[in-house]
N, C-alpha and C. Protein backbone atom coordinates (compact mmCIF):
# COMPACT_ATOMS: atom_id res chain seq x y z
N MET A 1 21.60 -102.35 14.07
CA MET A 1 22.43 -101.47 13.25
C MET A 1 22.21 -101.67 11.98
N GLU A 2 22.31 -102.98 11.61
CA GLU A 2 22.04 -103.28 10.19
C GLU A 2 20.89 -102.96 9.44
N ILE A 3 19.89 -103.15 10.38
CA ILE A 3 18.52 -102.60 10.01
C ILE A 3 18.60 -101.07 9.67
N LEU A 4 19.08 -100.20 10.53
CA LEU A 4 19.10 -98.79 10.42
C LEU A 4 19.98 -98.68 9.15
N LYS A 5 20.88 -99.28 8.65
CA LYS A 5 21.74 -99.01 7.66
C LYS A 5 20.69 -99.01 6.33
N TYR A 6 19.90 -99.80 6.34
CA TYR A 6 19.07 -100.03 4.95
C TYR A 6 17.57 -99.02 5.50
N THR A 7 17.21 -99.07 6.43
CA THR A 7 15.77 -98.09 6.70
C THR A 7 15.82 -96.88 6.58
N LEU A 8 16.99 -96.19 7.16
CA LEU A 8 17.10 -95.04 7.55
C LEU A 8 17.19 -94.35 6.00
N PRO A 9 17.95 -94.52 5.11
CA PRO A 9 18.14 -94.12 3.95
C PRO A 9 16.82 -94.12 3.05
N ALA A 10 16.19 -95.40 3.05
CA ALA A 10 14.90 -95.40 2.54
C ALA A 10 13.89 -94.53 3.18
N ILE A 11 14.07 -94.19 4.12
CA ILE A 11 13.06 -93.29 5.13
C ILE A 11 13.46 -91.99 4.40
N VAL A 12 14.75 -91.47 4.37
CA VAL A 12 14.98 -90.13 3.80
C VAL A 12 14.55 -90.15 2.55
N VAL A 13 14.57 -90.97 1.54
CA VAL A 13 14.04 -91.06 0.27
C VAL A 13 12.69 -91.04 0.16
N LEU A 14 11.95 -91.51 0.80
CA LEU A 14 10.60 -91.53 0.98
C LEU A 14 9.99 -90.26 1.19
N LEU A 15 10.54 -89.54 2.42
CA LEU A 15 10.11 -88.51 2.78
C LEU A 15 10.55 -87.40 1.73
N CYS A 16 11.67 -87.51 1.14
CA CYS A 16 11.98 -86.55 -0.41
C CYS A 16 10.83 -86.86 -1.23
N ALA A 17 10.67 -87.96 -1.54
CA ALA A 17 9.78 -88.24 -2.68
C ALA A 17 8.33 -87.69 -2.16
N ILE A 18 7.94 -87.86 -1.07
CA ILE A 18 6.69 -87.01 -0.51
C ILE A 18 6.53 -85.52 -0.64
N PHE A 19 7.79 -84.87 -0.17
CA PHE A 19 7.93 -83.54 -0.44
C PHE A 19 7.86 -83.20 -1.94
N VAL A 20 8.69 -84.01 -2.89
CA VAL A 20 8.60 -83.38 -4.26
C VAL A 20 7.37 -83.70 -4.87
N LEU A 21 6.63 -84.81 -4.56
CA LEU A 21 5.28 -84.93 -5.01
C LEU A 21 4.25 -83.98 -4.62
N ARG A 22 4.47 -83.53 -3.43
CA ARG A 22 3.47 -82.57 -2.67
C ARG A 22 3.71 -81.43 -3.46
N ALA A 23 5.12 -80.88 -3.73
CA ALA A 23 5.22 -79.56 -4.44
C ALA A 23 4.98 -79.68 -6.04
N VAL A 24 5.12 -80.81 -6.57
CA VAL A 24 4.56 -80.84 -8.11
C VAL A 24 3.16 -80.81 -8.11
N LEU A 25 2.20 -81.74 -7.09
CA LEU A 25 0.85 -81.70 -7.26
C LEU A 25 0.36 -80.16 -6.98
N LYS A 26 1.05 -79.55 -6.21
CA LYS A 26 0.52 -78.35 -5.67
C LYS A 26 0.99 -77.32 -6.86
N TYR A 27 1.90 -77.54 -7.43
CA TYR A 27 2.30 -76.43 -8.62
C TYR A 27 0.96 -76.75 -9.63
N TYR A 28 0.72 -78.16 -10.02
CA TYR A 28 -0.18 -78.39 -11.07
C TYR A 28 -1.82 -77.96 -10.60
N LEU A 29 -2.12 -77.87 -9.44
CA LEU A 29 -3.25 -77.38 -8.91
C LEU A 29 -3.41 -76.09 -9.09
N VAL A 30 -2.33 -75.17 -8.69
CA VAL A 30 -2.13 -73.88 -8.95
C VAL A 30 -2.38 -73.45 -10.42
N LYS A 31 -1.62 -74.06 -11.27
CA LYS A 31 -1.34 -74.01 -12.77
C LYS A 31 -2.79 -74.34 -13.26
N GLN A 32 -3.77 -75.29 -12.90
CA GLN A 32 -4.77 -75.57 -13.24
C GLN A 32 -5.97 -74.34 -12.88
N SER A 33 -5.76 -74.08 -11.69
CA SER A 33 -6.83 -72.85 -11.20
C SER A 33 -6.56 -71.75 -11.93
N LEU A 34 -5.23 -71.16 -12.24
CA LEU A 34 -4.84 -70.06 -12.91
C LEU A 34 -5.21 -69.90 -14.35
N GLU A 35 -5.41 -71.28 -15.03
CA GLU A 35 -5.82 -71.53 -16.36
C GLU A 35 -7.55 -71.45 -16.45
N GLY A 36 -7.88 -71.94 -15.39
CA GLY A 36 -9.47 -71.76 -15.21
C GLY A 36 -10.06 -70.35 -15.19
N LYS A 37 -9.14 -69.36 -14.45
CA LYS A 37 -9.45 -68.28 -14.31
C LYS A 37 -9.29 -67.37 -15.53
N ARG A 38 -8.14 -67.80 -16.18
CA ARG A 38 -7.80 -67.16 -17.44
C ARG A 38 -8.95 -67.27 -18.56
N GLU A 39 -9.44 -68.64 -18.27
CA GLU A 39 -10.51 -69.03 -19.27
C GLU A 39 -11.91 -68.10 -18.90
N THR A 40 -12.36 -68.05 -17.69
CA THR A 40 -13.20 -67.28 -17.15
C THR A 40 -13.06 -65.74 -17.71
N ASN A 41 -11.83 -65.16 -17.58
CA ASN A 41 -11.75 -63.93 -17.80
C ASN A 41 -12.06 -63.75 -19.34
N VAL A 42 -11.56 -64.52 -20.20
CA VAL A 42 -11.61 -64.48 -21.53
C VAL A 42 -13.12 -64.53 -21.95
N LYS A 43 -13.90 -65.30 -21.22
CA LYS A 43 -15.27 -65.38 -21.56
C LYS A 43 -16.05 -64.22 -21.07
N THR A 44 -15.46 -63.77 -19.83
CA THR A 44 -16.16 -62.46 -19.43
C THR A 44 -15.99 -61.18 -20.11
N ILE A 45 -14.60 -61.11 -20.59
CA ILE A 45 -14.37 -59.92 -21.47
C ILE A 45 -15.10 -59.87 -22.56
N GLN A 46 -15.27 -61.01 -23.44
CA GLN A 46 -16.24 -61.22 -24.34
C GLN A 46 -17.58 -60.68 -24.14
N ILE A 47 -18.27 -61.16 -23.03
CA ILE A 47 -19.54 -60.69 -22.59
C ILE A 47 -19.62 -59.43 -22.55
N ARG A 48 -18.60 -58.99 -22.00
CA ARG A 48 -18.52 -57.46 -21.61
C ARG A 48 -18.54 -56.61 -22.74
N LEU A 49 -17.61 -57.06 -23.93
CA LEU A 49 -17.48 -56.46 -24.97
C LEU A 49 -18.93 -56.18 -25.49
N GLN A 50 -19.55 -57.33 -25.62
CA GLN A 50 -20.94 -57.49 -26.30
C GLN A 50 -21.84 -56.63 -25.62
N ALA A 51 -21.80 -56.42 -24.36
CA ALA A 51 -22.52 -55.37 -23.66
C ALA A 51 -22.26 -54.24 -23.94
N TYR A 52 -21.13 -53.70 -24.04
CA TYR A 52 -20.68 -52.39 -24.45
C TYR A 52 -21.08 -52.26 -25.85
N GLU A 53 -21.14 -53.06 -26.69
CA GLU A 53 -21.46 -53.08 -28.13
C GLU A 53 -23.10 -52.75 -28.23
N ARG A 54 -23.77 -53.43 -27.30
CA ARG A 54 -25.14 -53.25 -27.31
C ARG A 54 -25.53 -51.69 -26.85
N ILE A 55 -24.73 -51.40 -25.81
CA ILE A 55 -24.87 -49.99 -25.32
C ILE A 55 -24.81 -48.89 -26.16
N ILE A 56 -23.61 -49.24 -26.81
CA ILE A 56 -23.52 -48.06 -27.75
C ILE A 56 -24.45 -48.20 -29.02
N LEU A 57 -24.86 -49.27 -29.46
CA LEU A 57 -26.12 -49.40 -30.50
C LEU A 57 -27.14 -48.57 -29.87
N PHE A 58 -27.61 -49.13 -28.74
CA PHE A 58 -28.62 -48.47 -28.03
C PHE A 58 -28.61 -46.89 -28.11
N LEU A 59 -27.45 -46.25 -27.81
CA LEU A 59 -27.13 -44.89 -27.80
C LEU A 59 -27.33 -44.22 -29.12
N GLU A 60 -26.86 -44.99 -30.04
CA GLU A 60 -27.11 -44.67 -31.67
C GLU A 60 -28.69 -44.55 -31.97
N ARG A 61 -29.14 -45.72 -31.52
CA ARG A 61 -30.61 -45.94 -31.81
C ARG A 61 -31.53 -44.81 -31.55
N VAL A 62 -31.34 -44.32 -30.37
CA VAL A 62 -32.15 -43.36 -29.55
C VAL A 62 -31.47 -41.86 -29.76
N SER A 63 -30.54 -41.68 -30.43
CA SER A 63 -29.92 -40.45 -30.85
C SER A 63 -31.27 -39.83 -31.95
N PRO A 64 -31.49 -38.45 -31.76
CA PRO A 64 -32.64 -37.90 -32.40
C PRO A 64 -32.65 -38.06 -34.15
N GLN A 65 -31.27 -37.83 -34.59
CA GLN A 65 -31.42 -38.33 -36.11
C GLN A 65 -31.81 -39.63 -36.43
N GLN A 66 -31.19 -40.64 -35.89
CA GLN A 66 -31.61 -41.86 -36.21
C GLN A 66 -32.90 -42.42 -35.59
N LEU A 67 -33.36 -41.91 -34.62
CA LEU A 67 -34.65 -42.25 -34.13
C LEU A 67 -35.90 -41.55 -35.11
N VAL A 68 -35.73 -40.42 -35.71
CA VAL A 68 -36.56 -39.94 -36.46
C VAL A 68 -36.56 -40.39 -37.92
N LEU A 69 -35.26 -40.70 -38.57
CA LEU A 69 -35.16 -41.56 -39.65
C LEU A 69 -35.72 -43.06 -39.47
N ARG A 70 -35.58 -43.59 -38.54
CA ARG A 70 -35.70 -45.02 -38.24
C ARG A 70 -37.24 -45.05 -38.22
N LEU A 71 -37.91 -44.27 -37.46
CA LEU A 71 -39.66 -44.37 -37.28
C LEU A 71 -40.09 -43.33 -38.20
N GLY A 72 -40.83 -43.84 -39.14
CA GLY A 72 -41.50 -42.87 -40.10
C GLY A 72 -42.67 -42.12 -39.46
N THR A 73 -42.92 -41.07 -40.23
CA THR A 73 -44.06 -40.41 -39.82
C THR A 73 -45.28 -40.66 -40.65
N ASP A 74 -45.49 -41.47 -41.41
CA ASP A 74 -46.53 -41.87 -42.43
C ASP A 74 -47.95 -42.00 -41.57
N GLY A 75 -48.69 -41.16 -42.10
CA GLY A 75 -50.08 -41.26 -41.43
C GLY A 75 -50.37 -41.00 -39.96
N LEU A 76 -49.28 -40.53 -39.47
CA LEU A 76 -49.42 -40.24 -37.86
C LEU A 76 -49.46 -38.57 -37.92
N ASP A 77 -50.10 -38.20 -36.64
CA ASP A 77 -50.22 -36.82 -36.20
C ASP A 77 -49.04 -36.95 -35.08
N ALA A 78 -48.97 -35.42 -34.75
CA ALA A 78 -47.87 -35.17 -33.80
C ALA A 78 -47.95 -35.84 -32.27
N GLY A 79 -49.13 -36.01 -31.90
CA GLY A 79 -49.23 -36.70 -30.62
C GLY A 79 -49.04 -38.36 -30.95
N GLN A 80 -49.48 -38.88 -31.77
CA GLN A 80 -49.38 -40.48 -32.07
C GLN A 80 -47.85 -40.51 -32.28
N TYR A 81 -46.93 -39.63 -33.16
CA TYR A 81 -45.70 -39.69 -33.18
C TYR A 81 -44.95 -39.67 -32.04
N GLN A 82 -45.26 -38.77 -30.99
CA GLN A 82 -44.76 -38.59 -29.62
C GLN A 82 -44.59 -39.89 -29.07
N ARG A 83 -45.90 -40.30 -29.04
CA ARG A 83 -46.21 -41.74 -28.41
C ARG A 83 -45.20 -42.87 -29.11
N VAL A 84 -45.17 -42.91 -30.25
CA VAL A 84 -44.53 -43.92 -31.02
C VAL A 84 -42.89 -43.86 -30.83
N LEU A 85 -42.32 -42.58 -30.61
CA LEU A 85 -41.04 -42.34 -30.36
C LEU A 85 -40.68 -42.75 -29.08
N LEU A 86 -41.42 -42.41 -28.07
CA LEU A 86 -41.38 -42.64 -26.58
C LEU A 86 -41.27 -44.06 -26.21
N GLN A 87 -42.41 -44.81 -26.98
CA GLN A 87 -42.52 -46.18 -26.76
C GLN A 87 -41.25 -46.80 -27.38
N SER A 88 -40.57 -46.44 -28.59
CA SER A 88 -39.46 -47.10 -29.15
C SER A 88 -38.23 -46.79 -27.91
N ILE A 89 -38.17 -45.73 -27.79
CA ILE A 89 -37.02 -45.56 -26.75
C ILE A 89 -37.17 -46.36 -25.41
N ARG A 90 -38.48 -46.51 -24.91
CA ARG A 90 -38.65 -47.33 -23.88
C ARG A 90 -38.18 -48.68 -24.00
N GLU A 91 -38.86 -49.34 -25.05
CA GLU A 91 -38.55 -50.61 -25.59
C GLU A 91 -37.13 -50.89 -25.79
N GLU A 92 -36.29 -49.99 -26.64
CA GLU A 92 -35.02 -50.18 -26.78
C GLU A 92 -34.39 -50.21 -25.48
N PHE A 93 -34.65 -49.31 -24.49
CA PHE A 93 -33.97 -49.34 -23.04
C PHE A 93 -34.06 -50.74 -22.28
N GLU A 94 -35.40 -50.94 -22.36
CA GLU A 94 -35.78 -52.35 -21.53
C GLU A 94 -35.25 -53.43 -22.05
N HIS A 95 -35.01 -53.37 -23.40
CA HIS A 95 -34.26 -54.61 -23.99
C HIS A 95 -32.76 -54.52 -23.75
N ASN A 96 -32.29 -53.53 -23.14
CA ASN A 96 -30.77 -53.47 -22.97
C ASN A 96 -30.70 -53.22 -21.16
N THR A 97 -31.58 -53.48 -20.41
CA THR A 97 -31.53 -53.24 -19.11
C THR A 97 -30.48 -54.28 -18.56
N ALA A 98 -30.46 -55.45 -19.08
CA ALA A 98 -29.56 -56.35 -18.41
C ALA A 98 -28.23 -56.05 -18.77
N GLN A 99 -27.73 -55.31 -19.49
CA GLN A 99 -26.44 -55.09 -19.91
C GLN A 99 -25.62 -54.30 -18.56
N GLN A 100 -26.65 -53.65 -17.69
CA GLN A 100 -25.81 -52.94 -16.81
C GLN A 100 -24.87 -53.70 -15.78
N ILE A 101 -25.24 -54.97 -15.89
CA ILE A 101 -24.37 -56.14 -15.01
C ILE A 101 -23.17 -56.04 -15.61
N TYR A 102 -22.73 -55.56 -16.85
CA TYR A 102 -21.43 -55.86 -17.28
C TYR A 102 -20.49 -54.68 -17.61
N ILE A 103 -21.28 -53.45 -17.23
CA ILE A 103 -20.82 -52.04 -17.31
C ILE A 103 -20.55 -51.66 -16.13
N SER A 104 -19.73 -50.44 -16.21
CA SER A 104 -19.85 -49.65 -14.78
C SER A 104 -21.11 -49.01 -14.19
N ALA A 105 -20.96 -48.80 -13.10
CA ALA A 105 -22.15 -48.15 -12.36
C ALA A 105 -22.37 -46.69 -13.28
N LYS A 106 -21.24 -46.02 -13.48
CA LYS A 106 -21.25 -44.53 -13.95
C LYS A 106 -21.43 -44.58 -15.15
N ALA A 107 -21.01 -45.71 -15.92
CA ALA A 107 -21.75 -45.87 -17.53
C ALA A 107 -22.90 -45.91 -17.56
N TRP A 108 -23.83 -46.82 -16.58
CA TRP A 108 -25.00 -47.22 -16.68
C TRP A 108 -25.82 -45.69 -16.21
N ASP A 109 -25.15 -45.07 -15.34
CA ASP A 109 -26.05 -43.90 -15.11
C ASP A 109 -26.01 -42.84 -16.40
N LEU A 110 -24.82 -42.76 -16.77
CA LEU A 110 -24.80 -42.04 -18.07
C LEU A 110 -25.98 -42.35 -19.12
N VAL A 111 -26.07 -43.62 -19.24
CA VAL A 111 -26.89 -44.33 -20.38
C VAL A 111 -28.18 -44.02 -19.83
N LYS A 112 -28.60 -44.11 -18.66
CA LYS A 112 -30.03 -43.68 -18.26
C LYS A 112 -30.26 -42.24 -18.45
N SER A 113 -29.16 -41.32 -18.26
CA SER A 113 -29.20 -39.97 -18.41
C SER A 113 -29.54 -39.59 -19.97
N ALA A 114 -28.65 -40.32 -20.80
CA ALA A 114 -28.96 -39.92 -22.11
C ALA A 114 -30.37 -40.48 -22.52
N LYS A 115 -30.82 -41.59 -22.07
CA LYS A 115 -32.29 -41.91 -22.33
C LYS A 115 -33.32 -40.58 -21.82
N GLU A 116 -33.02 -40.25 -20.64
CA GLU A 116 -34.01 -39.37 -20.13
C GLU A 116 -33.71 -37.96 -20.77
N SER A 117 -32.76 -37.66 -21.26
CA SER A 117 -32.47 -36.52 -22.11
C SER A 117 -33.20 -36.46 -23.61
N MET A 118 -33.24 -37.64 -24.05
CA MET A 118 -33.81 -37.78 -25.07
C MET A 118 -35.59 -37.71 -25.26
N VAL A 119 -35.90 -38.21 -23.90
CA VAL A 119 -37.39 -38.24 -23.57
C VAL A 119 -37.75 -36.85 -23.63
N GLN A 120 -37.03 -35.87 -22.68
CA GLN A 120 -37.22 -34.55 -22.60
C GLN A 120 -37.06 -33.72 -23.81
N LEU A 121 -36.17 -34.21 -24.71
CA LEU A 121 -35.95 -33.52 -26.00
C LEU A 121 -37.50 -33.62 -26.83
N ILE A 122 -37.78 -34.92 -26.86
CA ILE A 122 -39.00 -35.10 -27.51
C ILE A 122 -40.25 -34.24 -26.97
N ASN A 123 -40.18 -34.45 -25.66
CA ASN A 123 -41.24 -33.73 -24.96
C ASN A 123 -41.44 -32.12 -25.22
N LYS A 124 -40.15 -31.79 -25.09
CA LYS A 124 -40.05 -30.23 -25.26
C LYS A 124 -40.25 -29.90 -26.80
N SER A 125 -39.84 -30.83 -27.72
CA SER A 125 -40.32 -30.37 -29.01
C SER A 125 -41.72 -30.46 -29.27
N LYS A 126 -42.33 -31.32 -28.78
CA LYS A 126 -43.93 -31.55 -28.79
C LYS A 126 -44.75 -30.45 -28.32
N ASP A 127 -44.21 -29.69 -27.05
CA ASP A 127 -44.82 -28.70 -26.11
C ASP A 127 -45.32 -27.40 -27.12
N GLY A 128 -44.71 -27.30 -28.26
CA GLY A 128 -45.13 -25.96 -29.13
C GLY A 128 -46.17 -26.46 -30.04
N LEU A 129 -46.45 -27.78 -30.39
CA LEU A 129 -47.35 -28.09 -31.38
C LEU A 129 -48.67 -28.79 -30.98
N LYS A 130 -49.51 -28.62 -31.75
CA LYS A 130 -50.86 -29.49 -31.42
C LYS A 130 -50.80 -30.77 -31.56
N ASP A 131 -51.72 -31.37 -30.98
CA ASP A 131 -51.69 -32.92 -31.06
C ASP A 131 -52.05 -33.48 -32.52
N ASP A 132 -52.77 -32.64 -33.34
CA ASP A 132 -53.33 -32.92 -34.40
C ASP A 132 -52.32 -32.45 -35.50
N SER A 133 -51.05 -31.85 -35.14
CA SER A 133 -50.15 -31.23 -36.42
C SER A 133 -49.55 -32.58 -36.90
N PRO A 134 -49.13 -32.30 -38.14
CA PRO A 134 -48.54 -33.46 -38.79
C PRO A 134 -47.38 -34.04 -38.03
N ALA A 135 -46.96 -35.21 -37.97
CA ALA A 135 -45.81 -36.05 -37.29
C ALA A 135 -44.71 -35.07 -37.96
N PHE A 136 -44.38 -34.90 -39.05
CA PHE A 136 -43.41 -34.28 -39.86
C PHE A 136 -43.05 -32.98 -39.27
N GLU A 137 -43.88 -32.47 -38.84
CA GLU A 137 -43.61 -31.03 -37.88
C GLU A 137 -42.68 -31.37 -36.48
N LEU A 138 -43.44 -32.38 -36.06
CA LEU A 138 -42.62 -32.95 -34.51
C LEU A 138 -41.43 -33.48 -35.04
N ALA A 139 -41.15 -34.23 -36.21
CA ALA A 139 -39.88 -34.81 -36.61
C ALA A 139 -38.93 -33.60 -36.72
N SER A 140 -39.28 -32.73 -37.46
CA SER A 140 -38.53 -31.48 -37.86
C SER A 140 -38.25 -30.65 -36.72
N LYS A 141 -39.15 -30.62 -35.89
CA LYS A 141 -38.69 -29.70 -34.58
C LYS A 141 -37.79 -30.52 -33.65
N ILE A 142 -37.76 -31.80 -33.65
CA ILE A 142 -36.82 -32.59 -32.85
C ILE A 142 -35.42 -32.36 -33.29
N VAL A 143 -35.38 -32.57 -34.62
CA VAL A 143 -34.03 -32.14 -35.30
C VAL A 143 -33.86 -30.80 -35.21
N GLU A 144 -34.45 -30.10 -35.21
CA GLU A 144 -33.92 -28.49 -35.04
C GLU A 144 -33.47 -28.40 -33.45
N VAL A 145 -34.37 -28.50 -32.74
CA VAL A 145 -34.06 -28.67 -31.20
C VAL A 145 -32.68 -29.09 -30.92
N ASN A 146 -32.45 -30.31 -31.54
CA ASN A 146 -31.20 -31.02 -31.22
C ASN A 146 -30.03 -30.23 -31.58
N MET A 147 -30.23 -29.83 -33.07
CA MET A 147 -29.12 -28.95 -33.57
C MET A 147 -28.95 -27.83 -32.72
N LEU A 148 -29.80 -27.24 -32.39
CA LEU A 148 -29.74 -25.92 -31.49
C LEU A 148 -28.98 -26.22 -30.21
N GLU A 149 -29.32 -27.05 -29.35
CA GLU A 149 -29.00 -27.49 -27.98
C GLU A 149 -28.04 -28.49 -27.87
N GLY A 150 -27.98 -29.31 -28.96
CA GLY A 150 -27.35 -30.75 -29.09
C GLY A 150 -27.68 -31.58 -27.89
N ASN A 151 -27.03 -32.61 -27.92
CA ASN A 151 -27.59 -33.63 -26.91
C ASN A 151 -26.22 -34.30 -26.27
N LYS A 152 -25.70 -33.60 -25.43
CA LYS A 152 -24.62 -33.93 -24.71
C LYS A 152 -24.68 -35.13 -23.97
N GLN A 153 -25.72 -35.53 -23.51
CA GLN A 153 -25.90 -36.51 -22.58
C GLN A 153 -25.47 -37.77 -23.54
N ILE A 154 -25.89 -37.89 -24.87
CA ILE A 154 -25.94 -39.13 -25.48
C ILE A 154 -24.27 -39.05 -26.11
N ASN A 155 -23.74 -37.96 -26.35
CA ASN A 155 -22.36 -37.80 -26.71
C ASN A 155 -21.53 -38.35 -25.50
N GLY A 156 -21.74 -37.47 -24.36
CA GLY A 156 -21.01 -38.07 -23.28
C GLY A 156 -20.91 -39.49 -23.10
N ALA A 157 -22.05 -39.97 -22.88
CA ALA A 157 -22.25 -41.41 -22.57
C ALA A 157 -21.28 -42.27 -23.65
N THR A 158 -21.57 -41.86 -24.77
CA THR A 158 -20.89 -42.71 -25.89
C THR A 158 -19.41 -42.74 -25.71
N ILE A 159 -19.01 -41.55 -25.46
CA ILE A 159 -17.60 -41.25 -25.25
C ILE A 159 -17.01 -42.11 -24.27
N PHE A 160 -17.88 -41.77 -22.74
CA PHE A 160 -17.45 -42.61 -21.79
C PHE A 160 -17.47 -44.14 -21.90
N VAL A 161 -18.43 -44.70 -22.60
CA VAL A 161 -18.26 -46.08 -22.78
C VAL A 161 -17.33 -46.41 -23.61
N LYS A 162 -16.90 -45.60 -24.74
CA LYS A 162 -15.75 -46.40 -25.27
C LYS A 162 -14.59 -46.04 -24.63
N ARG A 163 -14.35 -45.11 -23.80
CA ARG A 163 -13.30 -45.13 -22.84
C ARG A 163 -12.96 -46.43 -22.06
N GLU A 164 -14.11 -46.54 -21.53
CA GLU A 164 -14.21 -47.83 -20.79
C GLU A 164 -13.67 -49.08 -21.51
N VAL A 165 -14.19 -49.28 -22.63
CA VAL A 165 -13.75 -50.34 -23.46
C VAL A 165 -12.19 -50.20 -23.42
N MET A 166 -11.91 -49.31 -24.13
CA MET A 166 -10.39 -49.11 -24.12
C MET A 166 -9.61 -49.67 -23.11
N GLU A 167 -10.12 -49.19 -21.72
CA GLU A 167 -9.49 -49.68 -20.48
C GLU A 167 -9.40 -51.17 -20.17
N LEU A 168 -10.34 -51.92 -20.84
CA LEU A 168 -10.27 -53.41 -20.99
C LEU A 168 -8.62 -53.88 -21.47
N PHE A 169 -8.19 -53.23 -22.44
CA PHE A 169 -7.22 -53.59 -23.13
C PHE A 169 -5.85 -52.66 -22.71
């Protein structure tokens, strides 16, 4: 009986200490896990924002006005200029292909559609010209066709990507 008077309270205190320590350890493990996830989310958002920036830059660089202004017509004929324009679009697109990991599938589809619409615009503009026509004529025709028809795919993709970015916040 005398032993029980001392051991029973000690056992109760020991069990209470074990439960309290277990709860405290569980709390810290959950807290640490949540902090790790939060840190990962912050890094992921930064990477996604950079991807969205790159996509917007791509869309801007392949827009007709920017493309024609950026790639000069000096010393080229229409056939050569068409190849230069298409090569530039292809290189820009390939350079940004990895960004599809960080944006939605719909946004990426719109970006691909915008790229294809630019390729079609260039080819359509070139159809009425001879290969040996001055490159300036092709550049003028591209701008003219764009002004008449507009480039809804590039504008639509840009708007959609901007909306996606706003949804992140």
